[in-house]
Protein backbone atom coordinates (compact mmCIF):
# COMPACT_ATOMS: atom_id res chain seq x y z
CA MET A 1 -27.42 -26.90 -4.78
CA THR A 2 -27.92 -27.86 -1.14
CA THR A 3 -24.72 -29.94 -1.18
CA ILE A 4 -22.70 -27.06 -2.62
CA MET A 5 -24.05 -24.63 0.00
CA HIS A 6 -23.30 -27.14 2.75
CA ASP A 7 -19.74 -27.55 1.48
CA ILE A 8 -19.22 -23.77 1.30
CA GLN A 9 -20.64 -23.31 4.80
CA LYS A 10 -18.06 -25.79 6.13
CA LEU A 11 -15.34 -23.30 5.11
CA PHE A 12 -16.43 -20.95 7.91
CA PRO A 13 -16.28 -21.36 11.70
CA SER A 14 -19.48 -22.78 13.17
CA ALA A 15 -22.53 -20.56 13.34
CA ASP A 16 -23.78 -22.31 16.46
CA GLY A 17 -20.57 -23.12 18.34
CA ASN A 18 -20.76 -26.85 17.66
CA GLN A 19 -17.88 -29.00 18.83
CA PRO A 20 -17.11 -30.86 15.56
CA GLN A 21 -16.57 -27.66 13.55
CA ARG A 22 -14.51 -26.16 16.39
CA GLU A 23 -12.34 -29.28 16.48
CA GLU A 24 -11.93 -29.12 12.71
CA LEU A 25 -10.70 -25.51 12.88
CA LEU A 26 -8.37 -26.32 15.78
CA GLY A 27 -7.09 -29.34 13.87
CA TYR A 28 -6.12 -27.16 10.91
CA MET A 29 -4.44 -24.69 13.24
CA LYS A 30 -2.53 -27.53 14.85
CA GLN A 31 -1.43 -28.76 11.41
CA LEU A 32 -0.16 -25.29 10.54
CA LEU A 33 1.76 -24.93 13.80
CA THR A 34 3.20 -28.45 13.55
CA LYS A 35 4.35 -27.93 9.96
CA MET A 36 5.88 -24.55 10.85
CA ASP A 37 7.66 -26.12 13.83
CA GLU A 38 9.11 -28.76 11.51
CA LEU A 39 10.76 -25.96 9.52
CA LYS A 40 12.42 -24.44 12.59
CA ASP A 41 16.12 -24.75 13.30
CA PRO A 42 17.36 -22.89 16.41
CA ASN A 43 20.64 -22.20 14.59
CA LYS A 44 18.93 -20.44 11.67
CA LEU A 45 17.01 -17.22 11.50
CA THR A 46 14.50 -18.49 8.94
CA LEU A 47 11.95 -21.25 8.53
CA GLY A 48 13.25 -23.94 6.18
CA ASP A 49 15.36 -23.08 3.18
CA MET A 50 15.53 -19.60 1.71
CA PRO A 51 13.98 -19.17 -1.73
CA ASN A 52 16.39 -18.57 -4.59
CA TYR A 53 16.05 -14.79 -4.90
CA THR A 54 17.23 -14.35 -8.46
CA GLU A 55 16.78 -11.14 -10.40
CA ASP A 56 13.55 -12.47 -11.89
CA TYR A 57 12.22 -14.10 -8.68
CA TYR A 58 8.98 -12.10 -8.44
CA ASN A 59 8.45 -12.09 -12.19
CA ARG A 60 8.62 -15.89 -12.15
CA ILE A 61 5.97 -15.94 -9.41
CA ILE A 62 3.75 -13.73 -11.57
CA GLN A 63 4.20 -15.96 -14.61
CA GLU A 64 3.77 -19.27 -12.77
CA ASN A 65 0.51 -18.39 -11.00
CA ALA A 66 -3.01 -18.52 -12.35
CA VAL A 67 -6.48 -18.10 -10.93
CA PRO A 68 -7.72 -21.56 -9.91
CA GLU A 69 -10.73 -22.84 -11.79
CA GLN A 70 -12.02 -24.70 -8.74
CA GLY A 71 -11.46 -24.78 -5.02
CA VAL A 72 -8.75 -26.84 -3.37
CA SER A 73 -8.80 -29.02 -0.28
CA MET A 74 -7.81 -27.67 3.12
CA GLU A 75 -4.77 -29.94 3.02
CA GLU A 76 -3.63 -28.33 -0.24
CA THR A 77 -4.36 -24.90 1.22
CA ILE A 78 -2.13 -25.70 4.20
CA GLU A 79 0.63 -26.93 1.88
CA LYS A 80 0.44 -23.70 -0.15
CA LEU A 81 0.66 -21.69 3.08
CA MET A 82 3.73 -23.69 4.07
CA GLU A 83 5.35 -22.82 0.74
CA LEU A 84 4.88 -19.16 1.64
CA VAL A 85 6.53 -19.43 5.07
CA LYS A 86 9.71 -21.09 3.80
CA GLY A 87 12.55 -18.63 4.20
CA HIS A 88 10.52 -16.36 6.49
CA ARG A 89 12.26 -15.30 9.70
CA TYR A 90 10.97 -16.43 13.05
CA LEU A 91 11.59 -15.62 16.67
CA ASN A 92 14.59 -17.44 18.13
CA SER A 93 17.89 -16.54 19.83
CA ASN A 94 19.29 -15.27 16.48
CA TYR A 95 16.45 -12.82 15.96
CA LEU A 96 16.95 -9.19 16.95
CA ALA A 97 13.61 -7.41 16.90
CA ASN A 98 13.89 -3.80 15.93
CA ALA A 99 11.41 -2.20 13.57
CA THR A 100 9.51 -5.41 12.85
CA PRO A 101 9.05 -7.40 16.04
CA LEU A 102 7.33 -10.75 15.73
CA PRO A 103 3.98 -11.28 17.45
CA ASN A 104 3.73 -12.70 20.94
CA ILE A 105 1.04 -15.18 22.00
CA ALA A 106 -1.26 -12.46 23.40
CA SER A 107 -1.14 -10.51 20.12
CA ILE A 108 -1.75 -13.69 18.12
CA LEU A 109 -4.84 -14.42 20.21
CA GLY A 110 -6.05 -10.82 19.84
CA ASN A 111 -5.56 -11.02 16.09
CA LEU A 112 -7.39 -14.34 15.99
CA VAL A 113 -10.37 -12.84 17.83
CA MET A 114 -10.55 -9.97 15.35
CA VAL A 115 -10.23 -12.36 12.39
CA LEU A 116 -13.04 -14.54 13.76
CA LEU A 117 -15.23 -11.48 14.35
CA ASN A 118 -14.32 -9.91 11.02
CA GLY A 119 -13.67 -6.72 12.96
CA ASN A 120 -13.17 -3.89 10.53
CA ASN A 121 -12.98 -0.11 10.56
CA LEU A 122 -16.70 0.66 10.31
CA TRP A 123 -16.49 1.68 13.94
CA ASP A 124 -19.10 -0.02 16.06
CA VAL A 125 -21.59 -0.70 13.25
CA ASP A 126 -19.73 -3.80 12.15
CA GLY A 127 -16.80 -3.90 14.52
CA SER A 128 -17.86 -3.22 18.10
CA ALA A 129 -14.97 -5.23 19.56
CA ALA A 130 -12.47 -3.32 17.43
CA ALA A 131 -14.07 0.01 18.39
CA ASN A 132 -13.95 -0.94 22.07
CA ALA A 133 -10.27 -1.94 21.83
CA GLU A 134 -9.42 1.25 19.91
CA VAL A 135 -11.02 3.47 22.59
CA ARG A 136 -9.13 1.58 25.30
CA ILE A 137 -5.81 1.90 23.45
CA THR A 138 -6.33 5.61 22.81
CA SER A 139 -7.21 6.16 26.48
CA MET A 140 -4.15 4.28 27.73
CA LEU A 141 -1.79 6.09 25.35
CA SER A 142 -3.27 9.45 26.33
CA LYS A 143 -2.66 8.64 30.00
CA ILE A 144 0.92 7.50 29.29
CA VAL A 145 1.84 10.80 27.58
CA GLY A 146 -0.07 12.94 30.10
CA TYR A 147 -3.04 13.98 27.97
CA ASP A 148 -6.57 14.17 29.32
CA PRO A 149 -8.12 10.95 27.95
CA VAL A 150 -11.57 12.59 27.80
CA GLU A 151 -10.30 15.51 25.70
CA SER A 152 -7.81 13.65 23.52
CA GLY A 153 -8.66 11.22 20.81
CA GLY A 154 -7.14 8.98 18.26
CA TYR A 155 -7.44 5.77 16.37
CA THR A 156 -5.34 2.76 15.55
CA THR A 157 -3.86 2.07 12.13
CA TRP A 158 -2.87 -1.05 10.26
CA GLY A 159 0.81 -0.67 11.12
CA GLY A 160 3.82 1.57 10.70
CA GLN A 161 3.00 2.57 7.16
CA GLY A 162 -0.55 3.46 8.18
CA ALA A 163 0.80 5.55 11.05
CA VAL A 164 3.16 7.42 8.71
CA PHE A 165 0.38 8.07 6.17
CA THR A 166 -1.93 9.29 8.92
CA SER A 167 0.77 11.54 10.39
CA LEU A 168 1.50 13.04 6.99
CA ARG A 169 -2.19 13.66 6.36
CA LEU A 170 -2.58 15.39 9.74
CA ALA A 171 0.56 17.49 9.17
CA ILE A 172 -0.68 18.58 5.73
CA ALA A 173 -4.13 19.45 7.13
CA ARG A 174 -2.58 21.48 9.96
CA GLN A 175 -0.22 23.36 7.63
CA PHE A 176 -2.83 23.92 4.91
CA PRO A 177 -6.25 23.94 6.64
CA GLN A 178 -8.05 25.17 3.50
């Protein structure tokens, strides 16, 4: 039992900030970035070859996949992730960002911090960094549009769809307060 717990614990970043576990995590990240870079072609808009999007493409995915009966190695995990990125667009001179801009390095680092902290929407109970960032964002946006940041409020959403859902909910509540 102790061996199994030790193996499971190795799947998480270090609890004490030790160098070997940090290097292991950074090594996996480097592998991911290197493998993604190998799929890049400045003359193409996508990573690697496009999947064959036949009429039954997603149905085949459903049929071909099963719940694993045991865990897989990190190397196999990385290979499976690389299968997912093939055909995905990436930022290069052929990419025109409109409604779905790709992340920049600062946003990737911010996302990484939130992933490592497991920052969620339970406000500051379990996500103090996320709550702090949300208050800052709301304050800055209020100042940009000329609202009093002390009187105005808001919150961040998970993306465009979340913003639309939230806007609809607020519009419905305003139109039909009862």
